[in-house]
């Protein structure tokens, strides 16, 4: 009964397609900016951390997520490490809890 004429009018044929692209352009730009500022650096950081954990060897001094500093005494195949945190005190920790390698041991060279 009280229908306004604005609802009945249609936009021009070319104006609808251009308007839709113009509306989504800011969203696309925001996603691209977020990718380069947040997502990509985080993926690189996770890749570096995974490479560091995969490269752990006996003798490396490590820092766990719980704040414990110790020396790796054994690397197990099941994803765990044996870490010596004091004289004759060894604990088993999961590899993914290692946050940092403090001192990296050099591989022995064949003489």
N, C-alpha and C. Protein backbone atom coordinates (compact mmCIF):
# COMPACT_ATOMS: atom_id res chain seq x y z
N UNK A 1 0.82 -1.18 0.00
CA UNK A 1 0.00 0.00 0.00
C UNK A 1 0.87 1.25 0.00
N UNK A 2 1.88 1.30 0.86
CA UNK A 2 2.79 2.45 0.89
C UNK A 2 4.15 2.06 0.33
N UNK A 3 4.21 1.50 -0.84
CA UNK A 3 5.45 1.09 -1.46
C UNK A 3 6.10 2.33 -2.07
N UNK A 4 7.37 2.52 -1.75
CA UNK A 4 8.05 3.68 -2.31
C UNK A 4 8.56 3.35 -3.70
N UNK A 5 8.63 4.30 -4.59
CA UNK A 5 9.08 4.05 -5.96
C UNK A 5 10.56 3.68 -6.03
N UNK A 6 11.36 3.94 -4.99
CA UNK A 6 12.79 3.65 -5.03
C UNK A 6 13.04 2.15 -5.09
N UNK A 7 12.19 1.35 -4.50
CA UNK A 7 12.37 -0.10 -4.53
C UNK A 7 12.05 -0.66 -5.90
N UNK A 8 11.19 -0.01 -6.64
CA UNK A 8 10.77 -0.52 -7.94
C UNK A 8 11.76 -0.16 -9.04
N UNK A 9 12.62 0.81 -8.81
CA UNK A 9 13.55 1.24 -9.84
C UNK A 9 14.75 0.30 -9.90
N UNK A 10 15.27 0.08 -11.08
CA UNK A 10 16.46 -0.74 -11.27
C UNK A 10 17.62 0.14 -11.67
N UNK A 11 18.80 -0.30 -11.34
CA UNK A 11 20.00 0.45 -11.73
C UNK A 11 20.27 0.21 -13.19
N UNK A 12 21.14 1.04 -13.77
CA UNK A 12 21.50 0.87 -15.18
C UNK A 12 22.22 -0.45 -15.39
N UNK A 13 22.29 -0.95 -16.60
CA UNK A 13 22.87 -2.26 -16.90
C UNK A 13 24.36 -2.30 -16.55
N UNK A 14 25.13 -1.29 -16.87
CA UNK A 14 26.57 -1.27 -16.61
C UNK A 14 26.92 -0.89 -15.19
N UNK A 15 26.08 -0.16 -14.51
CA UNK A 15 26.39 0.33 -13.17
C UNK A 15 26.37 -0.78 -12.13
N UNK A 16 25.59 -1.84 -12.31
CA UNK A 16 25.49 -2.92 -11.33
C UNK A 16 26.78 -3.71 -11.23
N UNK A 17 27.40 -4.07 -12.34
CA UNK A 17 28.61 -4.87 -12.33
C UNK A 17 29.80 -4.06 -11.77
N UNK A 18 29.94 -2.84 -12.16
CA UNK A 18 31.02 -2.00 -11.67
C UNK A 18 30.88 -1.70 -10.19
N UNK A 19 29.66 -1.56 -9.75
CA UNK A 19 29.41 -1.28 -8.35
C UNK A 19 29.77 -2.48 -7.48
N UNK A 20 29.48 -3.69 -7.96
CA UNK A 20 29.79 -4.89 -7.18
C UNK A 20 31.31 -5.06 -7.02
N UNK A 21 32.06 -4.81 -8.09
CA UNK A 21 33.52 -4.92 -8.02
C UNK A 21 34.07 -3.85 -7.08
N UNK A 22 33.53 -2.67 -7.14
CA UNK A 22 33.99 -1.58 -6.28
C UNK A 22 33.69 -1.87 -4.81
N UNK A 23 32.62 -2.62 -4.53
CA UNK A 23 32.29 -2.95 -3.14
C UNK A 23 33.23 -4.02 -2.58
N UNK A 24 33.65 -4.97 -3.42
CA UNK A 24 34.50 -6.06 -2.93
C UNK A 24 35.99 -5.73 -2.98
N UNK A 25 36.38 -4.69 -3.69
CA UNK A 25 37.79 -4.33 -3.79
C UNK A 25 38.42 -4.02 -2.42
N UNK A 26 37.78 -3.27 -1.54
CA UNK A 26 38.40 -3.04 -0.22
C UNK A 26 38.57 -4.33 0.59
N UNK A 27 37.62 -5.25 0.49
CA UNK A 27 37.75 -6.52 1.20
C UNK A 27 38.93 -7.33 0.69
N UNK A 28 39.11 -7.35 -0.62
CA UNK A 28 40.23 -8.06 -1.21
C UNK A 28 41.55 -7.42 -0.78
N UNK A 29 41.61 -6.11 -0.79
CA UNK A 29 42.82 -5.41 -0.38
C UNK A 29 43.15 -5.67 1.10
N UNK A 30 42.14 -5.70 1.94
CA UNK A 30 42.36 -5.99 3.36
C UNK A 30 42.91 -7.39 3.54
N UNK A 31 42.37 -8.38 2.80
CA UNK A 31 42.87 -9.74 2.90
C UNK A 31 44.32 -9.84 2.44
N UNK A 32 44.66 -9.17 1.35
CA UNK A 32 46.04 -9.20 0.85
C UNK A 32 47.00 -8.59 1.87
N UNK A 33 46.61 -7.48 2.46
CA UNK A 33 47.45 -6.83 3.47
C UNK A 33 47.61 -7.72 4.68
N UNK A 34 46.52 -8.35 5.14
CA UNK A 34 46.59 -9.25 6.30
C UNK A 34 47.48 -10.45 6.00
N UNK A 35 47.42 -10.96 4.78
CA UNK A 35 48.25 -12.10 4.41
C UNK A 35 49.73 -11.76 4.53
N UNK A 36 50.13 -10.61 3.97
CA UNK A 36 51.54 -10.26 3.98
C UNK A 36 52.03 -9.77 5.34
N UNK A 37 51.16 -9.23 6.17
CA UNK A 37 51.59 -8.72 7.46
C UNK A 37 51.46 -9.73 8.60
N UNK A 38 50.51 -10.66 8.51
CA UNK A 38 50.28 -11.58 9.61
C UNK A 38 50.48 -13.05 9.26
N UNK A 39 49.83 -13.52 8.23
CA UNK A 39 49.80 -14.94 7.93
C UNK A 39 51.15 -15.43 7.43
N UNK A 40 51.73 -14.77 6.46
CA UNK A 40 52.99 -15.21 5.86
C UNK A 40 54.15 -15.23 6.86
N UNK A 41 54.35 -14.17 7.66
CA UNK A 41 55.44 -14.24 8.66
C UNK A 41 55.23 -15.34 9.70
N UNK A 42 53.97 -15.58 10.09
CA UNK A 42 53.71 -16.65 11.06
C UNK A 42 54.03 -18.01 10.47
N UNK A 43 53.70 -18.24 9.20
CA UNK A 43 54.02 -19.50 8.55
C UNK A 43 55.53 -19.70 8.46
N UNK A 44 56.26 -18.63 8.18
CA UNK A 44 57.72 -18.72 8.09
C UNK A 44 58.33 -19.04 9.46
N UNK A 45 57.79 -18.42 10.50
CA UNK A 45 58.27 -18.66 11.85
C UNK A 45 58.01 -20.12 12.26
N UNK A 46 56.85 -20.64 11.94
CA UNK A 46 56.54 -22.03 12.26
C UNK A 46 57.41 -23.00 11.47
N UNK A 47 57.72 -22.67 10.24
CA UNK A 47 58.59 -23.52 9.41
C UNK A 47 60.00 -23.56 10.01
N UNK A 48 60.51 -22.40 10.44
CA UNK A 48 61.84 -22.33 11.05
C UNK A 48 61.88 -23.11 12.37
N UNK A 49 60.81 -23.00 13.19
CA UNK A 49 60.75 -23.72 14.45
C UNK A 49 60.71 -25.23 14.21
N UNK A 50 59.95 -25.67 13.22
CA UNK A 50 59.87 -27.10 12.91
C UNK A 50 61.23 -27.62 12.45
N UNK A 51 61.94 -26.84 11.64
CA UNK A 51 63.27 -27.25 11.18
C UNK A 51 64.25 -27.32 12.36
N UNK A 52 64.14 -26.37 13.29
CA UNK A 52 65.02 -26.36 14.45
C UNK A 52 64.77 -27.59 15.32
N UNK A 53 63.51 -27.93 15.56
CA UNK A 53 63.18 -29.08 16.40
C UNK A 53 63.58 -30.38 15.71
N UNK A 54 63.41 -30.46 14.40
CA UNK A 54 63.81 -31.66 13.67
C UNK A 54 65.33 -31.84 13.67
N UNK A 55 66.07 -30.76 13.83
CA UNK A 55 67.53 -30.81 13.82
C UNK A 55 68.17 -30.97 15.19
N UNK A 56 67.39 -31.24 16.22
CA UNK A 56 67.96 -31.41 17.56
C UNK A 56 68.84 -32.64 17.63
N UNK A 57 69.97 -32.49 18.33
CA UNK A 57 70.91 -33.60 18.51
C UNK A 57 71.30 -33.68 19.98
N UNK A 58 71.94 -34.78 20.29
CA UNK A 58 72.45 -34.99 21.63
C UNK A 58 73.50 -33.91 21.94
N UNK A 59 73.39 -33.29 23.09
CA UNK A 59 74.34 -32.26 23.50
C UNK A 59 73.81 -30.84 23.33
N UNK A 60 72.71 -30.66 22.62
CA UNK A 60 72.13 -29.32 22.45
C UNK A 60 71.52 -28.85 23.77
N UNK A 61 71.72 -27.59 24.07
CA UNK A 61 71.07 -27.01 25.25
C UNK A 61 69.79 -26.35 24.78
N UNK A 62 68.65 -26.71 25.41
CA UNK A 62 67.35 -26.27 24.93
C UNK A 62 66.54 -25.60 26.04
N UNK A 63 65.56 -24.83 25.62
CA UNK A 63 64.61 -24.19 26.52
C UNK A 63 63.23 -24.73 26.17
N UNK A 64 62.50 -25.23 27.18
CA UNK A 64 61.16 -25.78 26.95
C UNK A 64 60.12 -24.68 27.13
N UNK A 65 58.89 -25.00 26.74
CA UNK A 65 57.79 -24.05 26.90
C UNK A 65 57.50 -23.77 28.37
N UNK A 66 57.86 -24.69 29.25
CA UNK A 66 57.66 -24.50 30.69
C UNK A 66 58.76 -23.69 31.35
N UNK A 67 59.78 -23.30 30.58
CA UNK A 67 60.86 -22.49 31.12
C UNK A 67 62.02 -23.29 31.66
N UNK A 68 62.07 -24.57 31.38
CA UNK A 68 63.15 -25.43 31.87
C UNK A 68 64.28 -25.44 30.85
N UNK A 69 65.49 -25.21 31.33
CA UNK A 69 66.67 -25.25 30.48
C UNK A 69 67.41 -26.54 30.79
N UNK A 70 67.78 -27.27 29.74
CA UNK A 70 68.48 -28.52 29.95
C UNK A 70 69.26 -28.92 28.72
N UNK A 71 69.99 -30.02 28.86
CA UNK A 71 70.82 -30.54 27.78
C UNK A 71 70.21 -31.83 27.26
N UNK A 72 70.08 -31.94 25.94
CA UNK A 72 69.50 -33.13 25.33
C UNK A 72 70.49 -34.27 25.47
N UNK A 73 70.03 -35.38 26.07
CA UNK A 73 70.88 -36.55 26.21
C UNK A 73 70.47 -37.67 25.27
N UNK A 74 69.22 -37.67 24.82
CA UNK A 74 68.76 -38.71 23.93
C UNK A 74 67.59 -38.19 23.11
N UNK A 75 67.62 -38.49 21.80
CA UNK A 75 66.52 -38.12 20.90
C UNK A 75 65.81 -39.41 20.51
N UNK A 76 64.55 -39.54 20.90
CA UNK A 76 63.77 -40.74 20.60
C UNK A 76 62.99 -40.56 19.30
N UNK A 77 62.65 -41.67 18.68
CA UNK A 77 61.92 -41.64 17.42
C UNK A 77 60.43 -41.35 17.61
N UNK A 78 59.92 -41.49 18.81
CA UNK A 78 58.48 -41.30 19.05
C UNK A 78 58.10 -39.85 19.34
N UNK A 79 58.99 -38.92 19.06
CA UNK A 79 58.68 -37.50 19.26
C UNK A 79 59.02 -36.98 20.64
N UNK A 80 59.80 -37.73 21.38
CA UNK A 80 60.21 -37.28 22.71
C UNK A 80 61.72 -37.11 22.78
N UNK A 81 62.13 -36.33 23.76
CA UNK A 81 63.55 -36.11 24.04
C UNK A 81 63.81 -36.45 25.49
N UNK A 82 65.01 -36.87 25.78
CA UNK A 82 65.43 -37.02 27.17
C UNK A 82 66.36 -35.84 27.44
N UNK A 83 65.97 -35.03 28.42
CA UNK A 83 66.70 -33.79 28.72
C UNK A 83 67.22 -33.87 30.15
N UNK A 84 68.51 -33.58 30.32
CA UNK A 84 69.12 -33.54 31.65
C UNK A 84 69.02 -32.12 32.16
N UNK A 85 68.28 -31.94 33.28
CA UNK A 85 68.08 -30.60 33.81
C UNK A 85 68.98 -30.31 35.01
N UNK A 86 69.56 -31.34 35.59
CA UNK A 86 70.53 -31.20 36.68
C UNK A 86 71.39 -32.46 36.66
N UNK A 87 72.39 -32.52 37.53
CA UNK A 87 73.24 -33.71 37.59
C UNK A 87 72.39 -34.92 37.94
N UNK A 88 72.40 -35.91 37.07
CA UNK A 88 71.68 -37.18 37.25
C UNK A 88 70.16 -37.01 37.33
N UNK A 89 69.63 -35.91 36.83
CA UNK A 89 68.18 -35.70 36.79
C UNK A 89 67.78 -35.55 35.32
N UNK A 90 67.12 -36.59 34.80
CA UNK A 90 66.71 -36.58 33.40
C UNK A 90 65.20 -36.65 33.32
N UNK A 91 64.65 -35.85 32.42
CA UNK A 91 63.20 -35.85 32.20
C UNK A 91 62.93 -36.09 30.72
N UNK A 92 61.75 -36.65 30.44
CA UNK A 92 61.32 -36.82 29.05
C UNK A 92 60.39 -35.67 28.71
N UNK A 93 60.64 -35.04 27.59
CA UNK A 93 59.77 -33.95 27.12
C UNK A 93 59.40 -34.22 25.66
N UNK A 94 58.26 -33.69 25.27
CA UNK A 94 57.83 -33.80 23.88
C UNK A 94 58.64 -32.80 23.04
N UNK A 95 58.94 -33.20 21.81
CA UNK A 95 59.73 -32.32 20.94
C UNK A 95 59.04 -30.98 20.69
N UNK A 96 57.71 -31.00 20.56
CA UNK A 96 57.02 -29.76 20.21
C UNK A 96 56.98 -28.74 21.35
N UNK A 97 57.43 -29.14 22.55
CA UNK A 97 57.49 -28.17 23.65
C UNK A 97 58.79 -27.39 23.67
N UNK A 98 59.73 -27.73 22.80
CA UNK A 98 61.00 -27.00 22.73
C UNK A 98 60.74 -25.68 22.01
N UNK A 99 61.07 -24.57 22.67
CA UNK A 99 60.83 -23.26 22.08
C UNK A 99 62.10 -22.62 21.53
N UNK A 100 63.26 -23.03 22.04
CA UNK A 100 64.50 -22.39 21.61
C UNK A 100 65.68 -23.31 21.86
N UNK A 101 66.64 -23.27 20.96
CA UNK A 101 67.90 -23.98 21.16
C UNK A 101 68.92 -22.93 21.58
N UNK A 102 69.45 -23.07 22.79
CA UNK A 102 70.36 -22.06 23.32
C UNK A 102 71.78 -22.27 22.82
N UNK A 103 72.30 -23.49 22.91
CA UNK A 103 73.64 -23.81 22.43
C UNK A 103 73.53 -25.02 21.52
N UNK A 104 73.93 -24.85 20.29
CA UNK A 104 73.86 -25.92 19.30
C UNK A 104 75.22 -26.60 19.24
N UNK A 105 75.23 -27.93 19.31
CA UNK A 105 76.49 -28.66 19.19
C UNK A 105 76.81 -28.83 17.71
N UNK A 106 78.06 -28.78 17.42
CA UNK A 106 78.52 -28.96 16.04
C UNK A 106 78.69 -30.45 15.75
N UNK A 107 78.33 -30.88 14.55
CA UNK A 107 78.53 -32.30 14.23
C UNK A 107 80.01 -32.64 14.18
N UNK A 108 80.31 -33.85 14.58
CA UNK A 108 81.71 -34.29 14.60
C UNK A 108 82.19 -34.44 13.17
N UNK A 109 83.40 -33.95 12.91
CA UNK A 109 83.97 -34.07 11.56
C UNK A 109 84.83 -35.32 11.48
N UNK A 110 84.75 -35.98 10.36
CA UNK A 110 85.56 -37.19 10.16
C UNK A 110 86.99 -36.78 9.83
N UNK A 111 87.93 -37.27 10.62
CA UNK A 111 89.33 -36.89 10.42
C UNK A 111 90.08 -37.98 9.71
